Amino acid sequence: MMLHALLAWTPFLDPMPAAGRYWWTFLLPLAFLLSMAWKAVRLPKMEHYWRDVLSMTGQILAAIVALAIGLYILMILVMPHLPAD
C-alpha cells in the first residue's frame, strides 16, 4: 500500500508534510552544497576553495534574508496602503 502511494507522489504538486514547518532549515545545506558545486566548477585553482565556498554561502544566505525582509516590508507596510480598486 505504501509503495503505491510513493510511486504516485509528485514532489512539486504534493510536497511531503514532514518538512512543512521547518523548511527553512534546509536553506543552509542547500546554499552550502550549491556553493561547493559552483566553486568546484568555476575556480581555476583550488587554493582558496573553502574560503570562497563559505563566502558564497554567506552571500546566498544574506540575499535570502534581504529578500525576506523586503517582501515583509512590501506585504505588511506597503500593500495595505494601496487602493483596492
Protein backbone atom coordinates (compact mmCIF):
# COMPACT_ATOMS: atom_id res chain seq x y z
CA MET A 1 0.00 0.00 0.00
CA MET A 2 2.81 2.44 0.88
CA LEU A 3 4.72 1.68 -2.33
CA HIS A 4 1.71 2.62 -4.43
CA ALA A 5 1.36 5.95 -2.61
CA LEU A 6 5.07 6.66 -3.02
CA LEU A 7 5.01 5.96 -6.75
CA ALA A 8 2.17 8.42 -7.23
CA TRP A 9 3.89 11.17 -5.24
CA THR A 10 4.61 14.34 -7.22
CA PRO A 11 7.04 16.45 -5.17
CA PHE A 12 6.25 19.86 -6.64
CA LEU A 13 2.48 19.43 -6.59
CA ASP A 14 2.16 17.50 -3.30
CA PRO A 15 5.16 18.27 -1.07
CA MET A 16 5.83 15.96 1.85
CA PRO A 17 4.21 17.30 5.02
CA ALA A 18 7.12 16.35 7.27
CA ALA A 19 9.21 19.44 6.43
CA GLY A 20 6.32 21.89 6.30
CA ARG A 21 7.10 23.85 9.45
CA TYR A 22 10.87 23.60 9.23
CA TRP A 23 11.53 24.13 5.52
CA TRP A 24 13.92 26.99 6.30
CA THR A 25 16.37 24.59 7.99
CA PHE A 26 17.22 23.21 4.56
CA LEU A 27 18.45 26.62 3.33
CA LEU A 28 21.89 26.34 4.94
CA PRO A 29 22.79 22.92 3.48
CA LEU A 30 21.27 23.94 0.15
CA ALA A 31 23.34 27.12 -0.01
CA PHE A 32 26.49 25.30 1.13
CA LEU A 33 26.18 22.45 -1.36
CA LEU A 34 25.31 24.82 -4.17
CA SER A 35 28.38 26.91 -3.35
CA MET A 36 30.57 23.80 -3.25
CA ALA A 37 29.41 22.65 -6.67
CA TRP A 38 29.61 26.12 -8.23
CA LYS A 39 33.08 26.88 -6.93
CA ALA A 40 34.39 23.42 -7.83
CA VAL A 41 33.46 24.06 -11.44
CA ARG A 42 34.31 27.76 -11.69
CA LEU A 43 37.54 28.24 -9.75
CA PRO A 44 40.70 27.89 -11.84
CA LYS A 45 42.78 26.92 -8.76
CA MET A 46 41.66 25.26 -5.55
CA GLU A 47 43.94 27.27 -3.27
CA HIS A 48 41.16 29.26 -1.59
CA TYR A 49 38.32 26.84 -2.29
CA TRP A 50 36.83 26.59 1.21
CA ARG A 51 37.14 30.30 1.87
CA ASP A 52 35.31 31.04 -1.38
CA VAL A 53 32.67 28.39 -0.66
CA LEU A 54 31.95 29.87 2.78
CA SER A 55 31.93 33.37 1.32
CA MET A 56 29.42 32.41 -1.36
CA THR A 57 27.29 30.55 1.20
CA GLY A 58 27.15 33.69 3.30
CA GLN A 59 26.23 35.76 0.27
CA ILE A 60 23.39 33.41 -0.65
CA LEU A 61 22.03 33.40 2.90
CA ALA A 62 22.33 37.20 3.13
CA ALA A 63 20.43 37.57 -0.15
CA ILE A 64 17.67 35.26 1.09
CA VAL A 65 17.36 37.24 4.33
CA ALA A 66 17.32 40.53 2.41
CA LEU A 67 14.60 39.23 0.10
CA ALA A 68 12.55 38.05 3.07
CA ILE A 69 12.83 41.44 4.78
CA GLY A 70 11.97 43.24 1.54
CA LEU A 71 8.91 41.08 0.94
CA TYR A 72 7.81 41.53 4.54
CA ILE A 73 8.05 45.30 4.20
CA LEU A 74 6.18 45.19 0.92
CA MET A 75 3.36 42.97 2.17
CA ILE A 76 2.89 44.38 5.69
CA LEU A 77 3.71 48.06 5.28
CA VAL A 78 3.14 48.98 1.63
CA MET A 79 0.31 46.78 0.33
CA PRO A 80 -2.30 47.79 2.96
CA HIS A 81 -1.98 51.42 1.90
CA LEU A 82 -2.63 50.81 -1.81
CA PRO A 83 -6.13 51.44 -3.16
CA ALA A 84 -8.25 48.31 -3.58
CA ASP A 85 -9.87 49.23 -6.88
